[in-house]
């Protein structure tokens, strides 16, 4: 399953980028994704009604888009 999010950049990340701190903004994004990963996994499982193995996310700070690939558990 693939999920695409628009305008997924926080105000703090935008401010860091505007100030020329692109590297710091990317680090903030990596930590945010790591912190919210368990909640994201639980939310997606609740929405689709199926267990998942792993949500894999990547954000492009320049475009403000986040792509999430969800690996589903094998159903028997």
Protein backbone atom coordinates (compact mmCIF):
# COMPACT_ATOMS: atom_id res chain seq x y z
CA UNK A 1 0.00 0.00 0.00
CA UNK A 2 1.26 3.49 -0.82
CA UNK A 3 0.11 6.71 0.86
CA UNK A 4 0.98 10.21 -0.34
CA UNK A 5 0.66 13.27 1.93
CA UNK A 6 0.73 16.87 0.72
CA UNK A 7 1.87 19.81 2.85
CA UNK A 8 3.36 17.53 5.49
CA UNK A 9 6.17 19.86 6.58
CA UNK A 10 5.95 21.41 10.05
CA UNK A 11 6.26 25.15 10.64
CA UNK A 12 9.55 24.52 12.46
CA UNK A 13 10.97 22.66 9.45
CA UNK A 14 9.86 25.44 7.12
CA UNK A 15 11.48 28.05 9.35
CA UNK A 16 14.75 26.11 9.51
CA UNK A 17 14.81 25.81 5.71
CA UNK A 18 14.08 29.53 5.24
CA UNK A 19 16.97 30.29 7.59
CA UNK A 20 19.35 28.16 5.55
CA UNK A 21 19.44 25.24 7.99
CA UNK A 22 18.37 22.56 5.51
CA UNK A 23 20.52 19.89 7.14
CA UNK A 24 19.02 20.56 10.57
CA UNK A 25 15.50 20.53 9.09
CA UNK A 26 16.24 17.10 7.59
CA UNK A 27 17.52 15.83 10.95
CA UNK A 28 14.37 17.11 12.67
CA UNK A 29 12.24 15.30 10.08
CA UNK A 30 14.14 12.03 10.57
CA UNK A 31 13.64 12.20 14.34
CA UNK A 32 9.96 13.07 13.96
CA UNK A 33 9.39 10.13 11.64
CA UNK A 34 11.19 7.81 14.06
CA UNK A 35 9.12 9.05 17.02
CA UNK A 36 5.73 8.86 15.29
CA UNK A 37 6.35 5.56 13.49
CA UNK A 38 4.60 3.37 16.13
CA UNK A 39 1.56 5.69 16.21
CA UNK A 40 1.47 5.82 12.42
CA UNK A 41 1.57 2.03 12.26
CA UNK A 42 -1.30 1.72 14.75
CA UNK A 43 -3.40 4.36 12.98
CA UNK A 44 -2.99 2.74 9.56
CA UNK A 45 -3.82 -0.70 11.00
CA UNK A 46 -6.96 0.76 12.57
CA UNK A 47 -8.02 2.42 9.31
CA UNK A 48 -7.43 -0.55 7.00
CA UNK A 49 -8.39 -3.22 9.52
CA UNK A 50 -5.30 -5.31 8.77
CA UNK A 51 -1.99 -5.85 10.53
CA UNK A 52 1.09 -4.34 8.92
CA UNK A 53 4.75 -5.21 9.26
CA UNK A 54 6.30 -1.83 8.67
CA UNK A 55 5.44 1.68 7.53
CA UNK A 56 8.33 3.20 5.56
CA UNK A 57 8.20 6.99 5.17
CA UNK A 58 10.24 9.55 3.31
CA UNK A 59 9.64 13.30 3.17
CA UNK A 60 10.85 15.74 0.56
CA UNK A 61 11.29 19.02 2.40
CA UNK A 62 11.54 20.98 -0.85
CA UNK A 63 8.11 19.86 -2.10
CA UNK A 64 6.41 19.29 1.25
CA UNK A 65 5.33 15.80 0.25
CA UNK A 66 5.62 12.62 2.27
CA UNK A 67 5.40 9.16 0.78
CA UNK A 68 4.56 6.21 2.98
CA UNK A 69 4.89 2.61 1.86
CA UNK A 70 3.10 0.13 4.09
CA UNK A 71 4.25 -3.49 4.10
CA UNK A 72 1.26 -5.69 4.93
CA UNK A 73 1.52 -8.92 6.86
CA UNK A 74 0.73 -11.99 4.84
CA UNK A 75 -2.91 -12.91 5.25
CA UNK A 76 -3.78 -16.57 5.55
